[in-house]
Amino acid sequence: MFSAQDILALIGLYSVATNFESVTQPYTNLLWAAYLGIEFTSAITLFIVYRKIALKNDQAPVMLNEGDTTSQPNDGIIVRTTDYDSKNIMQHLRSLVIRAATFGFFYLKFGHLSVLLLQAILGLKTIYHSQVVQVHLLGKQSVGNLARPW
C-alpha cells in the first residue's frame, strides 16, 4: 500500500504538474525528450536486471499458490527462481510499454503535458521500488518483503 510519504509526494507532484501545464508550452519538446529518456533509462535498467537474472541462473524452487490457499494449502506450482524473476521483469517491461503508449495518446489526443511530468517521475519510482530490481540490481537480500513469491 501507499505510505504517508508516497501520498505527500504524489500530492506535491500533482500540484507542480498542474502549474507546469501553463508554463511549459515553449518547453514541450524538452519535456518529451526528458520523458522518453526516463522511459528509455527504465527499459535499459530492466534489461540489465534481466541479464543479471539470466547469468545467475538460480535453480532454487519457488512455490506459487494458485487461487484460494485456505482450502488446499499445499497445492501449488513449483517454478525455478530464474523463470519467476524473468517473468516478473517481462511484466514490468510490458507495463512500461503500455504506460508510454497510454500517456503518449493522452498528450497527442488531449494535449496534457502534466501527465508526462508525473509519469516520468513515478515511472522511475516504480522501477526503483520493484522487488526484482531491489534484489538483483541493488543487491538486497531476498527476505521479508523481498521474499518470493512477490
Protein backbone atom coordinates (compact mmCIF):
# COMPACT_ATOMS: atom_id res chain seq x y z
CA MET A 1 0.00 0.00 0.00
CA PHE A 2 0.94 3.64 -0.08
CA SER A 3 2.80 5.24 2.79
CA ALA A 4 2.16 8.79 4.00
CA GLN A 5 5.41 9.83 2.32
CA ASP A 6 4.19 8.42 -1.03
CA ILE A 7 0.86 10.24 -0.75
CA LEU A 8 2.51 13.55 0.13
CA ALA A 9 4.97 13.16 -2.74
CA LEU A 10 2.12 12.43 -5.14
CA ILE A 11 0.16 15.48 -3.98
CA GLY A 12 3.26 17.66 -4.34
CA LEU A 13 4.00 16.28 -7.81
CA TYR A 14 0.40 16.83 -8.88
CA SER A 15 0.44 20.46 -7.75
CA VAL A 16 3.72 21.08 -9.58
CA ALA A 17 2.40 19.31 -12.69
CA THR A 18 -0.82 21.34 -12.82
CA ASN A 19 1.15 24.60 -12.52
CA PHE A 20 3.67 23.25 -15.02
CA GLU A 21 0.96 22.88 -17.69
CA SER A 22 0.60 26.62 -18.34
CA VAL A 23 4.32 27.39 -18.26
CA THR A 24 5.66 24.62 -20.49
CA GLN A 25 4.44 25.48 -23.97
CA PRO A 26 7.93 26.63 -25.06
CA TYR A 27 9.46 23.58 -23.37
CA THR A 28 7.22 20.88 -24.83
CA ASN A 29 9.99 19.22 -26.84
CA LEU A 30 12.33 19.29 -23.86
CA LEU A 31 9.69 17.67 -21.67
CA TRP A 32 9.06 14.99 -24.29
CA ALA A 33 12.80 14.33 -24.54
CA ALA A 34 13.07 14.04 -20.76
CA TYR A 35 10.06 11.72 -20.59
CA LEU A 36 11.33 9.44 -23.36
CA GLY A 37 14.82 9.50 -21.84
CA ILE A 38 13.47 8.35 -18.49
CA GLU A 39 11.36 5.63 -20.11
CA PHE A 40 14.43 4.52 -22.10
CA THR A 41 16.50 4.51 -18.88
CA SER A 42 13.83 2.36 -17.20
CA ALA A 43 13.89 -0.08 -20.13
CA ILE A 44 17.71 -0.29 -20.01
CA THR A 45 17.54 -0.89 -16.24
CA LEU A 46 15.08 -3.73 -16.77
CA PHE A 47 17.33 -5.20 -19.48
CA ILE A 48 20.35 -5.08 -17.13
CA VAL A 49 18.36 -6.83 -14.40
CA TYR A 50 17.15 -9.42 -16.93
CA ARG A 51 20.75 -10.15 -17.97
CA LYS A 52 21.80 -10.48 -14.32
CA ILE A 53 18.99 -12.96 -13.74
CA ALA A 54 19.97 -14.96 -16.82
CA LEU A 55 23.65 -15.03 -15.85
CA LYS A 56 22.89 -16.03 -12.27
CA ASN A 57 20.64 -18.90 -13.44
CA ASP A 58 19.25 -19.62 -9.96
CA GLN A 59 17.67 -23.09 -9.93
CA ALA A 60 16.08 -22.75 -6.47
CA PRO A 61 12.38 -23.63 -6.45
CA VAL A 62 9.63 -21.08 -5.79
CA MET A 63 6.19 -22.34 -4.72
CA LEU A 64 3.37 -20.40 -6.36
CA ASN A 65 -0.07 -20.88 -4.84
CA GLU A 66 -2.90 -20.60 -7.32
CA GLY A 67 -6.37 -19.48 -6.27
CA ASP A 68 -7.72 -19.96 -2.75
CA THR A 69 -4.92 -21.09 -0.44
CA THR A 70 -7.19 -21.81 2.56
CA SER A 71 -8.87 -24.92 1.10
CA GLN A 72 -5.71 -26.65 -0.15
CA PRO A 73 -2.60 -25.05 1.37
CA ASN A 74 -0.09 -27.49 -0.18
CA ASP A 75 -1.47 -27.30 -3.71
CA GLY A 76 0.68 -25.05 -5.86
CA ILE A 77 3.07 -24.78 -8.78
CA ILE A 78 6.83 -25.03 -8.37
CA VAL A 79 8.94 -22.92 -10.73
CA ARG A 80 12.62 -22.03 -10.87
CA THR A 81 13.69 -18.68 -9.41
CA THR A 82 15.22 -17.66 -12.74
CA ASP A 83 11.94 -18.29 -14.58
CA TYR A 84 9.90 -16.49 -11.93
CA ASP A 85 12.14 -13.41 -11.89
CA SER A 86 12.35 -13.30 -15.71
CA LYS A 87 8.56 -13.39 -15.92
CA ASN A 88 8.40 -10.55 -13.38
CA ILE A 89 10.82 -8.45 -15.47
CA MET A 90 8.75 -9.09 -18.61
CA GLN A 91 5.62 -7.91 -16.76
CA HIS A 92 7.44 -4.70 -15.80
CA LEU A 93 8.58 -4.19 -19.40
CA ARG A 94 5.05 -4.77 -20.72
CA SER A 95 3.75 -2.27 -18.16
CA LEU A 96 6.37 0.26 -19.28
CA VAL A 97 5.36 -0.05 -22.94
CA ILE A 98 1.64 0.22 -22.16
CA ARG A 99 2.27 3.21 -19.90
CA ALA A 100 4.31 5.01 -22.59
CA ALA A 101 1.65 4.33 -25.23
CA THR A 102 -1.15 5.48 -22.93
CA PHE A 103 0.46 8.74 -21.91
CA GLY A 104 1.63 9.39 -25.45
CA PHE A 105 -2.01 9.02 -26.53
CA PHE A 106 -3.16 11.39 -23.75
CA TYR A 107 -0.75 14.01 -24.97
CA LEU A 108 -1.50 13.58 -28.67
CA LYS A 109 -5.27 13.45 -28.22
CA PHE A 110 -5.82 15.93 -25.36
CA GLY A 111 -2.55 17.87 -25.14
CA HIS A 112 -1.90 17.05 -21.46
CA LEU A 113 1.73 17.74 -20.58
CA SER A 114 1.28 17.32 -16.84
CA VAL A 115 0.80 13.55 -17.17
CA LEU A 116 4.20 13.28 -18.85
CA LEU A 117 5.88 15.02 -15.93
CA LEU A 118 4.03 12.89 -13.39
CA GLN A 119 4.70 9.65 -15.20
CA ALA A 120 8.36 10.41 -15.76
CA ILE A 121 8.93 10.72 -12.03
CA LEU A 122 6.53 7.96 -10.97
CA GLY A 123 7.98 5.60 -13.59
CA LEU A 124 11.43 5.86 -12.04
CA LYS A 125 9.93 5.39 -8.58
CA THR A 126 8.11 2.27 -9.74
CA ILE A 127 11.28 0.73 -11.15
CA TYR A 128 13.30 1.63 -8.04
CA HIS A 129 10.74 0.11 -5.64
CA SER A 130 10.28 -3.06 -7.69
CA GLN A 131 11.24 -6.15 -5.67
CA VAL A 132 13.12 -7.77 -8.54
CA VAL A 133 15.23 -4.62 -9.06
CA GLN A 134 15.85 -4.34 -5.32
CA VAL A 135 17.12 -7.92 -5.18
CA HIS A 136 19.11 -8.20 -8.41
CA LEU A 137 20.37 -4.68 -9.12
CA LEU A 138 20.68 -3.16 -5.64
CA GLY A 139 21.89 -6.41 -4.06
CA LYS A 140 19.38 -6.62 -1.20
CA GLN A 141 18.69 -10.00 0.37
CA SER A 142 15.51 -11.81 -0.67
CA VAL A 143 13.96 -11.89 2.81
CA GLY A 144 10.97 -10.18 4.42
CA ASN A 145 9.09 -8.02 1.91
CA LEU A 146 11.55 -9.05 -0.80
CA ALA A 147 10.96 -12.81 -0.33
CA ARG A 148 9.49 -14.64 -3.30
CA PRO A 149 6.73 -15.00 -4.50
CA TRP A 150 6.05 -11.31 -4.93
